Amino acid sequence: NLFIVGGNDLNDAVTALATPETFQEVKSSHYIAKFNGNTGQRVWGTYYGVPNVLTGAGIWQIKANSSGVYIGGQTFYLPGSYYATPGAHKQQTTDGFDLFLAKFNDNGYRIWGTYVGSEGTEWHGENRVLDLKDDKLLITGSSSGTENIATPGAFISMKPNPGYPDAFFSMFNTAGTHLFTSYYGGTFTSDPATDSQIGGQFSHSSDVFYIFGSSGNPNDI
């Protein structure tokens, strides 16, 4: 089968991108759809975003396997708790600039969702930002602000540049449990506004994953 995501559905009068009995039939900023990989016919579609709000967020990537359909995205100027479910790793965003991660079942209904990040600003880079292998999810981004989101014992467990952008990567399992978060890159020695764009991908042949991207930071890359 084929799974796609999209956005910028700006015609207020039309909700044709959603089908009955999916997670959300009310129009919003973006949507998810499943197509039959043999016939090209749409199986289901659902909007995913604050109802009747056509801006403020975007889905960057979608992955699927036999356990479910997974999406990764980002909010802009959109505080609240829409993208999280009760008991999630992070249940709300106060500043409205966070990453989000969610699992849907094969019928288009959300199983769980969580925000990913700090009370500062998080955003995705231009690289591959979400990957899935077996029961693991890898999500990558950059984090500003002063709050440390890394877990004890991680590769870099303290924020290198509080108040400035730092690259990070997080892993969850497919049940939505947060496994770890680590930063990538060291303390700036020159321009404190240097931004790292980071992506991640699991190996197809071994139990490792790769981090890649771009950075002006000369330290600990």
C-alpha atoms as a PDB file:
ATOM      1  CA  ASN A   1       0.000   0.000   0.000  1.00  0.00           C
ATOM      2  CA  LEU A   2       0.908   3.667  -0.355  1.00  0.00           C
ATOM      3  CA  PHE A   3       0.671   6.234   2.452  1.00  0.00           C
ATOM      4  CA  ILE A   4       0.944   9.960   1.822  1.00  0.00           C
ATOM      5  CA  VAL A   5       0.687  13.191   3.790  1.00  0.00           C
ATOM      6  CA  GLY A   6      -0.144  16.660   2.566  1.00  0.00           C
ATOM      7  CA  GLY A   7      -1.093  20.162   3.577  1.00  0.00           C
ATOM      8  CA  ASN A   8      -2.212  23.577   2.390  1.00  0.00           C
ATOM      9  CA  ASP A   9      -5.765  22.400   1.766  1.00  0.00           C
ATOM     10  CA  LEU A  10      -7.094  25.944   1.843  1.00  0.00           C
ATOM     11  CA  ASN A  11     -10.630  25.625   0.457  1.00  0.00           C
ATOM     12  CA  ASP A  12     -12.803  26.061   3.564  1.00  0.00           C
ATOM     13  CA  ALA A  13     -15.889  24.636   1.884  1.00  0.00           C
ATOM     14  CA  VAL A  14     -14.455  21.234   0.955  1.00  0.00           C
ATOM     15  CA  THR A  15     -13.530  18.354   3.269  1.00  0.00           C
ATOM     16  CA  ALA A  16     -13.093  15.702   0.602  1.00  0.00           C
ATOM     17  CA  LEU A  17      -9.651  14.635   1.846  1.00  0.00           C
ATOM     18  CA  ALA A  18     -11.230  12.831   4.830  1.00  0.00           C
ATOM     19  CA  THR A  19     -13.335   9.699   4.769  1.00  0.00           C
ATOM     20  CA  PRO A  20     -15.972   8.577   7.299  1.00  0.00           C
ATOM     21  CA  GLU A  21     -14.973   6.799  10.512  1.00  0.00           C
ATOM     22  CA  THR A  22     -11.358   7.953  10.521  1.00  0.00           C
ATOM     23  CA  PHE A  23      -9.623   9.988  13.214  1.00  0.00           C
ATOM     24  CA  GLN A  24     -10.761  13.435  12.027  1.00  0.00           C
ATOM     25  CA  GLU A  25     -13.244  14.438   9.352  1.00  0.00           C
ATOM     26  CA  VAL A  26     -13.146  18.140  10.268  1.00  0.00           C
ATOM     27  CA  LYS A  27     -10.838  20.177   8.070  1.00  0.00           C
ATOM     28  CA  SER A  28      -7.413  21.199   9.359  1.00  0.00           C
ATOM     29  CA  SER A  29      -3.961  22.145   8.144  1.00  0.00           C
ATOM     30  CA  HIS A  30      -2.837  18.728   6.910  1.00  0.00           C
ATOM     31  CA  TYR A  31      -4.016  15.207   6.190  1.00  0.00           C
ATOM     32  CA  ILE A  32      -2.972  11.564   5.916  1.00  0.00           C
ATOM     33  CA  ALA A  33      -4.201   9.083   3.318  1.00  0.00           C
ATOM     34  CA  LYS A  34      -3.832   5.415   2.446  1.00  0.00           C
ATOM     35  CA  PHE A  35      -4.051   4.168  -1.132  1.00  0.00           C
ATOM     36  CA  ASN A  36      -4.305   0.625  -2.431  1.00  0.00           C
ATOM     37  CA  GLY A  37      -0.899  -0.133  -3.879  1.00  0.00           C
ATOM     38  CA  ASN A  38      -2.330  -2.352  -6.626  1.00  0.00           C
ATOM     39  CA  THR A  39      -5.283  -0.298  -7.860  1.00  0.00           C
ATOM     40  CA  GLY A  40      -4.415   3.300  -6.870  1.00  0.00           C
ATOM     41  CA  GLN A  41      -7.781   3.699  -5.152  1.00  0.00           C
ATOM     42  CA  ARG A  42      -7.900   5.613  -1.898  1.00  0.00           C
ATOM     43  CA  VAL A  43      -8.713   3.370   1.081  1.00  0.00           C
ATOM     44  CA  TRP A  44      -9.099   6.118   3.701  1.00  0.00           C
ATOM     45  CA  GLY A  45      -8.135   9.674   4.508  1.00  0.00           C
ATOM     46  CA  THR A  46      -8.078  11.720   7.695  1.00  0.00           C
ATOM     47  CA  TYR A  47      -7.249  15.286   8.554  1.00  0.00           C
ATOM     48  CA  TYR A  48      -4.653  15.731  11.283  1.00  0.00           C
ATOM     49  CA  GLY A  49      -4.462  19.143  12.890  1.00  0.00           C
ATOM     50  CA  VAL A  50      -6.391  21.489  15.159  1.00  0.00           C
ATOM     51  CA  PRO A  51      -9.933  21.495  13.669  1.00  0.00           C
ATOM     52  CA  ASN A  52     -10.709  24.453  11.410  1.00  0.00           C
ATOM     53  CA  VAL A  53      -7.160  25.827  11.758  1.00  0.00           C
ATOM     54  CA  LEU A  54      -5.467  25.781   8.360  1.00  0.00           C
ATOM     55  CA  THR A  55      -2.002  26.945   9.447  1.00  0.00           C
ATOM     56  CA  GLY A  56       0.297  26.399  12.390  1.00  0.00           C
ATOM     57  CA  ALA A  57       1.732  22.940  11.734  1.00  0.00           C
ATOM     58  CA  GLY A  58       3.047  20.546   9.134  1.00  0.00           C
ATOM     59  CA  ILE A  59       3.760  16.845   8.671  1.00  0.00           C
ATOM     60  CA  TRP A  60       7.251  16.232   7.323  1.00  0.00           C
ATOM     61  CA  GLN A  61       7.411  12.449   7.001  1.00  0.00           C
ATOM     62  CA  ILE A  62       5.350   9.261   7.134  1.00  0.00           C
ATOM     63  CA  LYS A  63       6.460   5.670   7.698  1.00  0.00           C
ATOM     64  CA  ALA A  64       4.467   2.438   7.855  1.00  0.00           C
ATOM     65  CA  ASN A  65       4.956  -1.223   8.626  1.00  0.00           C
ATOM     66  CA  SER A  66       2.768  -4.050   9.859  1.00  0.00           C
ATOM     67  CA  SER A  67       2.489  -2.448  13.314  1.00  0.00           C
ATOM     68  CA  GLY A  68       1.007   0.865  12.167  1.00  0.00           C
ATOM     69  CA  VAL A  69       1.381   4.175  10.369  1.00  0.00           C
ATOM     70  CA  TYR A  70       3.746   6.751  11.907  1.00  0.00           C
ATOM     71  CA  ILE A  71       4.069  10.466  11.214  1.00  0.00           C
ATOM     72  CA  GLY A  72       6.512  13.135  12.292  1.00  0.00           C
ATOM     73  CA  GLY A  73       5.908  16.858  12.083  1.00  0.00           C
ATOM     74  CA  GLN A  74       6.239  20.271  13.644  1.00  0.00           C
ATOM     75  CA  THR A  75       4.006  22.984  15.092  1.00  0.00           C
ATOM     76  CA  PHE A  76       4.450  26.720  14.495  1.00  0.00           C
ATOM     77  CA  TYR A  77       2.866  29.307  16.809  1.00  0.00           C
ATOM     78  CA  LEU A  78       0.437  26.615  17.973  1.00  0.00           C
ATOM     79  CA  PRO A  79       0.469  26.033  21.748  1.00  0.00           C
ATOM     80  CA  GLY A  80      -1.839  23.410  23.228  1.00  0.00           C
ATOM     81  CA  SER A  81      -2.234  19.662  23.567  1.00  0.00           C
ATOM     82  CA  TYR A  82      -3.885  18.563  20.293  1.00  0.00           C
ATOM     83  CA  TYR A  83      -0.944  16.423  19.122  1.00  0.00           C
ATOM     84  CA  ALA A  84      -0.594  14.427  22.357  1.00  0.00           C
ATOM     85  CA  THR A  85      -2.667  11.693  23.950  1.00  0.00           C
ATOM     86  CA  PRO A  86      -3.138  11.090  27.710  1.00  0.00           C
ATOM     87  CA  GLY A  87      -0.004   9.653  29.296  1.00  0.00           C
ATOM     88  CA  ALA A  88       2.203  10.715  26.385  1.00  0.00           C
ATOM     89  CA  HIS A  89       5.920  11.445  26.734  1.00  0.00           C
ATOM     90  CA  LYS A  90       5.137  15.180  26.405  1.00  0.00           C
ATOM     91  CA  GLN A  91       1.480  16.102  26.662  1.00  0.00           C
ATOM     92  CA  GLN A  92       1.474  19.747  25.603  1.00  0.00           C
ATOM     93  CA  THR A  93       3.502  22.599  24.158  1.00  0.00           C
ATOM     94  CA  THR A  94       3.420  26.003  25.794  1.00  0.00           C
ATOM     95  CA  ASP A  95       5.429  27.986  23.251  1.00  0.00           C
ATOM     96  CA  GLY A  96       3.862  26.284  20.210  1.00  0.00           C
ATOM     97  CA  PHE A  97       7.162  25.389  18.514  1.00  0.00           C
ATOM     98  CA  ASP A  98       7.601  21.646  19.013  1.00  0.00           C
ATOM     99  CA  LEU A  99       8.023  18.464  17.048  1.00  0.00           C
ATOM    100  CA  PHE A 100       5.296  15.824  17.214  1.00  0.00           C
ATOM    101  CA  LEU A 101       5.160  12.099  16.611  1.00  0.00           C
ATOM    102  CA  ALA A 102       2.063   9.933  16.226  1.00  0.00           C
ATOM    103  CA  LYS A 103       0.919   6.419  15.462  1.00  0.00           C
ATOM    104  CA  PHE A 104      -2.228   5.584  13.474  1.00  0.00           C
ATOM    105  CA  ASN A 105      -3.705   2.168  12.856  1.00  0.00           C
ATOM    106  CA  ASP A 106      -4.387   0.719   9.423  1.00  0.00           C
ATOM    107  CA  ASN A 107      -7.934   2.105   9.474  1.00  0.00           C
ATOM    108  CA  GLY A 108      -6.886   5.730   9.892  1.00  0.00           C
ATOM    109  CA  TYR A 109      -7.440   6.168  13.614  1.00  0.00           C
ATOM    110  CA  ARG A 110      -4.841   7.614  15.983  1.00  0.00           C
ATOM    111  CA  ILE A 111      -3.410   5.217  18.578  1.00  0.00           C
ATOM    112  CA  TRP A 112      -1.084   7.648  20.351  1.00  0.00           C
ATOM    113  CA  GLY A 113       0.613  10.988  19.879  1.00  0.00           C
ATOM    114  CA  THR A 114       3.278  12.998  21.669  1.00  0.00           C
ATOM    115  CA  TYR A 115       5.156  16.259  21.438  1.00  0.00           C
ATOM    116  CA  VAL A 116       8.944  16.018  21.240  1.00  0.00           C
ATOM    117  CA  GLY A 117      11.145  18.776  22.604  1.00  0.00           C
ATOM    118  CA  SER A 118      11.632  21.358  25.326  1.00  0.00           C
ATOM    119  CA  GLU A 119       9.843  24.516  26.393  1.00  0.00           C
ATOM    120  CA  GLY A 120      12.078  26.313  23.925  1.00  0.00           C
ATOM    121  CA  THR A 121      11.825  26.124  20.137  1.00  0.00           C
ATOM    122  CA  GLU A 122      12.245  22.872  18.196  1.00  0.00           C
ATOM    123  CA  TRP A 123      12.208  22.398  14.450  1.00  0.00           C
ATOM    124  CA  HIS A 124      12.997  19.821  11.799  1.00  0.00           C
ATOM    125  CA  GLY A 125      15.860  20.180   9.393  1.00  0.00           C
ATOM    126  CA  GLU A 126      15.704  19.571   5.662  1.00  0.00           C
ATOM    127  CA  ASN A 127      16.935  15.975   5.899  1.00  0.00           C
ATOM    128  CA  ARG A 128      15.230  12.677   6.609  1.00  0.00           C
ATOM    129  CA  VAL A 129      13.582  13.438   9.953  1.00  0.00           C
ATOM    130  CA  LEU A 130      11.774  10.196  10.839  1.00  0.00           C
ATOM    131  CA  ASP A 131      12.684   6.563  10.323  1.00  0.00           C
ATOM    132  CA  LEU A 132      11.140   3.270  11.390  1.00  0.00           C
ATOM    133  CA  LYS A 133      12.598  -0.199  11.806  1.00  0.00           C
ATOM    134  CA  ASP A 134      10.856  -3.113  13.518  1.00  0.00           C
ATOM    135  CA  ASP A 135       9.614  -1.655  16.838  1.00  0.00           C
ATOM    136  CA  LYS A 136      11.804   1.491  16.911  1.00  0.00           C
ATOM    137  CA  LEU A 137      11.249   5.071  15.727  1.00  0.00           C
ATOM    138  CA  LEU A 138      14.057   7.583  15.213  1.00  0.00           C
ATOM    139  CA  ILE A 139      13.220  11.304  15.056  1.00  0.00           C
ATOM    140  CA  THR A 140      15.686  14.170  14.597  1.00  0.00           C
ATOM    141  CA  GLY A 141      15.627  17.939  14.918  1.00  0.00           C
ATOM    142  CA  SER A 142      17.177  21.060  16.410  1.00  0.00           C
ATOM    143  CA  SER A 143      16.435  22.550  19.810  1.00  0.00           C
ATOM    144  CA  SER A 144      16.887  26.088  21.071  1.00  0.00           C
ATOM    145  CA  GLY A 145      16.062  27.435  24.525  1.00  0.00           C
ATOM    146  CA  THR A 146      17.844  26.542  27.750  1.00  0.00           C
ATOM    147  CA  GLU A 147      16.080  23.344  28.846  1.00  0.00           C
ATOM    148  CA  ASN A 148      18.067  20.119  28.617  1.00  0.00           C
ATOM    149  CA  ILE A 149      16.055  17.338  26.925  1.00  0.00           C
ATOM    150  CA  ALA A 150      18.800  14.691  26.735  1.00  0.00           C
ATOM    151  CA  THR A 151      18.545  11.571  28.875  1.00  0.00           C
ATOM    152  CA  PRO A 152      21.196  10.464  31.402  1.00  0.00           C
ATOM    153  CA  GLY A 153      23.866   8.306  29.800  1.00  0.00           C
ATOM    154  CA  ALA A 154      23.108   9.465  26.258  1.00  0.00           C
ATOM    155  CA  PHE A 155      25.912  10.215  23.786  1.00  0.00           C
ATOM    156  CA  ILE A 156      25.733  13.940  24.703  1.00  0.00           C
ATOM    157  CA  SER A 157      23.593  14.186  27.806  1.00  0.00           C
ATOM    158  CA  MET A 158      23.791  17.943  28.464  1.00  0.00           C
ATOM    159  CA  LYS A 159      22.766  20.736  26.112  1.00  0.00           C
ATOM    160  CA  PRO A 160      26.016  22.073  24.622  1.00  0.00           C
ATOM    161  CA  ASN A 161      24.805  25.624  23.942  1.00  0.00           C
ATOM    162  CA  PRO A 162      21.938  26.706  26.244  1.00  0.00           C
ATOM    163  CA  GLY A 163      19.826  29.370  24.587  1.00  0.00           C
ATOM    164  CA  TYR A 164      21.102  28.544  21.100  1.00  0.00           C
ATOM    165  CA  PRO A 165      20.281  25.825  18.515  1.00  0.00           C
ATOM    166  CA  ASP A 166      21.634  22.327  19.063  1.00  0.00           C
ATOM    167  CA  ALA A 167      20.960  19.218  16.957  1.00  0.00           C
ATOM    168  CA  PHE A 168      19.348  16.266  18.714  1.00  0.00           C
ATOM    169  CA  PHE A 169      18.006  12.788  17.998  1.00  0.00           C
ATOM    170  CA  SER A 170      15.408  10.794  19.939  1.00  0.00           C
ATOM    171  CA  MET A 171      14.262   7.201  19.843  1.00  0.00           C
ATOM    172  CA  PHE A 172      10.820   5.853  20.765  1.00  0.00           C
ATOM    173  CA  ASN A 173       9.330   2.413  20.526  1.00  0.00           C
ATOM    174  CA  THR A 174       6.200   1.802  18.490  1.00  0.00           C
ATOM    175  CA  ALA A 175       4.095   1.830  21.675  1.00  0.00           C
ATOM    176  CA  GLY A 176       5.050   5.490  22.172  1.00  0.00           C
ATOM    177  CA  THR A 177       7.556   4.993  24.989  1.00  0.00           C
ATOM    178  CA  HIS A 178      10.497   7.405  24.920  1.00  0.00           C
ATOM    179  CA  LEU A 179      13.782   5.462  24.985  1.00  0.00           C
ATOM    180  CA  PHE A 180      16.427   8.204  24.847  1.00  0.00           C
ATOM    181  CA  THR A 181      17.362  11.630  23.534  1.00  0.00           C
ATOM    182  CA  SER A 182      20.890  12.828  22.766  1.00  0.00           C
ATOM    183  CA  TYR A 183      22.375  16.027  21.397  1.00  0.00           C
ATOM    184  CA  TYR A 184      24.910  15.958  18.574  1.00  0.00           C
ATOM    185  CA  GLY A 185      27.664  18.564  18.349  1.00  0.00           C
ATOM    186  CA  GLY A 186      29.772  20.473  20.853  1.00  0.00           C
ATOM    187  CA  THR A 187      30.062  23.943  22.317  1.00  0.00           C
ATOM    188  CA  PHE A 188      30.327  26.769  19.785  1.00  0.00           C
ATOM    189  CA  THR A 189      33.686  28.495  19.609  1.00  0.00           C
ATOM    190  CA  SER A 190      32.679  31.339  17.302  1.00  0.00           C
ATOM    191  CA  ASP A 191      29.237  32.207  15.908  1.00  0.00           C
ATOM    192  CA  PRO A 192      26.641  31.168  18.540  1.00  0.00           C
ATOM    193  CA  ALA A 193      23.845  31.251  15.949  1.00  0.00           C
ATOM    194  CA  THR A 194      25.342  28.380  13.937  1.00  0.00           C
ATOM    195  CA  ASP A 195      22.559  25.907  13.154  1.00  0.00           C
ATOM    196  CA  SER A 196      22.929  22.177  12.610  1.00  0.00           C
ATOM    197  CA  GLN A 197      20.484  20.398  10.279  1.00  0.00           C
ATOM    198  CA  ILE A 198      20.261  16.727  11.195  1.00  0.00           C
ATOM    199  CA  GLY A 199      18.653  13.596   9.794  1.00  0.00           C
ATOM    200  CA  GLY A 200      18.704   9.935  10.760  1.00  0.00           C
ATOM    201  CA  GLN A 201      18.254   6.508   9.206  1.00  0.00           C
ATOM    202  CA  PHE A 202      18.340   2.931  10.439  1.00  0.00           C
ATOM    203  CA  SER A 203      20.662   0.429   8.791  1.00  0.00           C
ATOM    204  CA  HIS A 204      18.832  -2.183   6.733  1.00  0.00           C
ATOM    205  CA  SER A 205      21.382  -4.880   7.515  1.00  0.00           C
ATOM    206  CA  SER A 206      22.487  -4.373  11.139  1.00  0.00           C
ATOM    207  CA  ASP A 207      21.347  -3.047  14.495  1.00  0.00           C
ATOM    208  CA  VAL A 208      22.716   0.485  14.073  1.00  0.00           C
ATOM    209  CA  PHE A 209      21.475   3.824  12.804  1.00  0.00           C
ATOM    210  CA  TYR A 210      23.138   6.736  11.040  1.00  0.00           C
ATOM    211  CA  ILE A 211      23.067  10.466  11.774  1.00  0.00           C
ATOM    212  CA  PHE A 212      23.834  12.867   8.935  1.00  0.00           C
ATOM    213  CA  GLY A 213      23.312  16.479   7.964  1.00  0.00           C
ATOM    214  CA  SER A 214      25.141  19.774   7.934  1.00  0.00           C
ATOM    215  CA  SER A 215      26.653  22.074  10.551  1.00  0.00           C
ATOM    216  CA  GLY A 216      28.831  25.132  10.913  1.00  0.00           C
ATOM    217  CA  ASN A 217      29.884  23.935  14.355  1.00  0.00           C
ATOM    218  CA  PRO A 218      33.501  22.682  14.222  1.00  0.00           C
ATOM    219  CA  ASN A 219      33.348  20.846  17.539  1.00  0.00           C
ATOM    220  CA  ASP A 220      32.420  17.230  18.330  1.00  0.00           C
ATOM    221  CA  ILE A 221      30.919  16.487  14.906  1.00  0.00           C
END
